[in-house]
Amino acid sequence: MDESAMRIDSDLVDLTNVSLETLDTFDDEILAVSTDRLLRQVDHAGSSVGGGSEGGS
């Protein structure tokens, strides 16, 4: 299967075809929900990313 055709389900806004110039014109409220969700995921990355034991070596 072509990886570029795979769809990833997400609550984040799809900015695939949005240029940086266009993104700069967006009102902050448009992206606020996605930004907040992304920041929460970053803050709790260990719970959303699999890994080995926490004991380390």
N, C-alpha and C. Protein backbone atom coordinates (compact mmCIF):
# COMPACT_ATOMS: atom_id res chain seq x y z
N MET A 1 0.85 -1.19 0.00
CA MET A 1 0.00 0.00 0.00
C MET A 1 0.88 1.24 0.00
N ASP A 2 0.51 2.20 -0.78
CA ASP A 2 1.23 3.47 -0.86
C ASP A 2 1.06 4.22 0.46
N GLU A 3 2.17 4.48 1.16
CA GLU A 3 2.10 5.15 2.46
C GLU A 3 1.50 6.55 2.36
N SER A 4 1.68 7.22 1.25
CA SER A 4 1.14 8.57 1.11
C SER A 4 -0.39 8.55 1.05
N ALA A 5 -0.97 7.40 0.75
CA ALA A 5 -2.42 7.28 0.67
C ALA A 5 -3.04 6.90 2.01
N MET A 6 -2.22 6.56 3.00
CA MET A 6 -2.73 6.18 4.31
C MET A 6 -3.29 7.40 5.02
N ARG A 7 -4.41 7.22 5.69
CA ARG A 7 -5.04 8.32 6.42
C ARG A 7 -4.83 8.08 7.90
N ILE A 8 -4.45 9.11 8.62
CA ILE A 8 -4.27 9.03 10.06
C ILE A 8 -5.41 9.79 10.71
N ASP A 9 -6.19 9.09 11.54
CA ASP A 9 -7.28 9.76 12.24
C ASP A 9 -6.72 10.65 13.34
N SER A 10 -7.19 11.86 13.36
CA SER A 10 -6.68 12.83 14.33
C SER A 10 -7.71 13.92 14.53
N ASP A 11 -7.69 14.52 15.71
CA ASP A 11 -8.55 15.67 15.96
C ASP A 11 -7.86 16.97 15.58
N LEU A 12 -6.65 16.86 15.06
CA LEU A 12 -5.90 18.04 14.68
C LEU A 12 -6.35 18.57 13.32
N VAL A 13 -6.18 19.84 13.10
CA VAL A 13 -6.52 20.46 11.83
C VAL A 13 -5.53 19.98 10.77
N ASP A 14 -6.05 19.58 9.61
CA ASP A 14 -5.19 19.14 8.51
C ASP A 14 -4.68 20.38 7.76
N LEU A 15 -3.38 20.64 7.88
CA LEU A 15 -2.77 21.81 7.24
C LEU A 15 -1.92 21.41 6.03
N THR A 16 -2.19 20.25 5.48
CA THR A 16 -1.38 19.71 4.39
C THR A 16 -1.20 20.69 3.24
N ASN A 17 -2.25 21.32 2.81
CA ASN A 17 -2.19 22.19 1.64
C ASN A 17 -2.22 23.68 1.99
N VAL A 18 -1.88 24.00 3.23
CA VAL A 18 -1.90 25.40 3.68
C VAL A 18 -0.46 25.93 3.72
N SER A 19 -0.22 26.99 3.00
CA SER A 19 1.12 27.58 2.99
C SER A 19 1.36 28.31 4.31
N LEU A 20 2.61 28.55 4.63
CA LEU A 20 2.94 29.30 5.84
C LEU A 20 2.40 30.72 5.78
N GLU A 21 2.39 31.30 4.59
CA GLU A 21 1.86 32.64 4.43
C GLU A 21 0.36 32.68 4.75
N THR A 22 -0.36 31.68 4.28
CA THR A 22 -1.79 31.60 4.56
C THR A 22 -2.04 31.31 6.03
N LEU A 23 -1.26 30.42 6.60
CA LEU A 23 -1.39 30.08 8.00
C LEU A 23 -1.20 31.31 8.89
N ASP A 24 -0.30 32.17 8.50
CA ASP A 24 -0.03 33.39 9.26
C ASP A 24 -1.23 34.33 9.30
N THR A 25 -2.14 34.20 8.34
CA THR A 25 -3.32 35.07 8.29
C THR A 25 -4.49 34.53 9.11
N PHE A 26 -4.41 33.30 9.58
CA PHE A 26 -5.51 32.69 10.34
C PHE A 26 -5.68 33.37 11.68
N ASP A 27 -6.92 33.49 12.09
CA ASP A 27 -7.25 33.97 13.43
C ASP A 27 -6.85 32.87 14.41
N ASP A 28 -6.27 33.25 15.54
CA ASP A 28 -5.81 32.28 16.52
C ASP A 28 -6.92 31.34 16.98
N GLU A 29 -8.16 31.82 17.02
CA GLU A 29 -9.28 30.98 17.48
C GLU A 29 -9.51 29.80 16.56
N ILE A 30 -9.18 29.90 15.29
CA ILE A 30 -9.38 28.81 14.33
C ILE A 30 -8.53 27.61 14.72
N LEU A 31 -7.33 27.86 15.20
CA LEU A 31 -6.40 26.77 15.51
C LEU A 31 -6.30 26.47 17.01
N ALA A 32 -7.01 27.20 17.85
CA ALA A 32 -6.86 27.07 19.30
C ALA A 32 -7.13 25.66 19.82
N VAL A 33 -8.21 25.03 19.39
CA VAL A 33 -8.56 23.70 19.88
C VAL A 33 -7.47 22.69 19.50
N SER A 34 -7.03 22.73 18.26
CA SER A 34 -5.98 21.81 17.82
C SER A 34 -4.66 22.08 18.52
N THR A 35 -4.34 23.35 18.70
CA THR A 35 -3.09 23.71 19.38
C THR A 35 -3.10 23.23 20.82
N ASP A 36 -4.21 23.45 21.51
CA ASP A 36 -4.32 22.99 22.90
C ASP A 36 -4.18 21.48 23.00
N ARG A 37 -4.84 20.76 22.10
CA ARG A 37 -4.76 19.29 22.11
C ARG A 37 -3.33 18.84 21.84
N LEU A 38 -2.68 19.44 20.87
CA LEU A 38 -1.30 19.08 20.54
C LEU A 38 -0.38 19.31 21.74
N LEU A 39 -0.53 20.45 22.39
CA LEU A 39 0.31 20.75 23.55
C LEU A 39 0.07 19.77 24.70
N ARG A 40 -1.18 19.35 24.91
CA ARG A 40 -1.47 18.33 25.93
C ARG A 40 -0.80 17.01 25.58
N GLN A 41 -0.82 16.64 24.29
CA GLN A 41 -0.19 15.39 23.86
C GLN A 41 1.33 15.46 24.04
N VAL A 42 1.92 16.59 23.77
CA VAL A 42 3.36 16.76 23.95
C VAL A 42 3.71 16.67 25.43
N ASP A 43 2.90 17.30 26.28
CA ASP A 43 3.13 17.27 27.73
C ASP A 43 3.03 15.86 28.29
N HIS A 44 2.24 14.99 27.66
CA HIS A 44 2.03 13.63 28.15
C HIS A 44 2.46 12.62 27.09
N ALA A 45 3.56 12.89 26.44
CA ALA A 45 4.03 12.04 25.34
C ALA A 45 4.26 10.60 25.76
N GLY A 46 4.71 10.36 26.99
CA GLY A 46 4.97 9.00 27.45
C GLY A 46 3.72 8.14 27.45
N SER A 47 2.56 8.73 27.64
CA SER A 47 1.32 7.94 27.67
C SER A 47 0.81 7.63 26.27
N SER A 48 1.28 8.34 25.26
CA SER A 48 0.80 8.10 23.91
C SER A 48 1.82 7.44 23.00
N VAL A 49 3.02 7.23 23.53
CA VAL A 49 4.08 6.59 22.75
C VAL A 49 4.53 5.36 23.49
N GLY A 50 4.53 4.24 22.81
CA GLY A 50 4.98 3.00 23.45
C GLY A 50 6.45 3.03 23.73
N GLY A 51 6.86 2.28 24.71
CA GLY A 51 8.28 2.24 25.05
C GLY A 51 8.59 1.04 25.91
N GLY A 52 9.82 0.91 26.24
CA GLY A 52 10.25 -0.20 27.07
C GLY A 52 10.03 0.10 28.54
N SER A 53 10.72 -0.64 29.37
CA SER A 53 10.59 -0.43 30.81
C SER A 53 11.16 0.92 31.19
N GLU A 54 10.61 1.50 32.24
CA GLU A 54 11.08 2.81 32.67
C GLU A 54 12.33 2.74 33.51
N GLY A 55 12.73 1.55 33.89
CA GLY A 55 13.90 1.39 34.74
C GLY A 55 15.19 1.75 34.07
N GLY A 56 15.25 1.61 32.76
CA GLY A 56 16.48 1.92 32.03
C GLY A 56 17.57 0.91 32.29
N SER A 57 18.79 1.22 31.85
CA SER A 57 19.91 0.29 32.05
C SER A 57 20.89 0.82 33.06
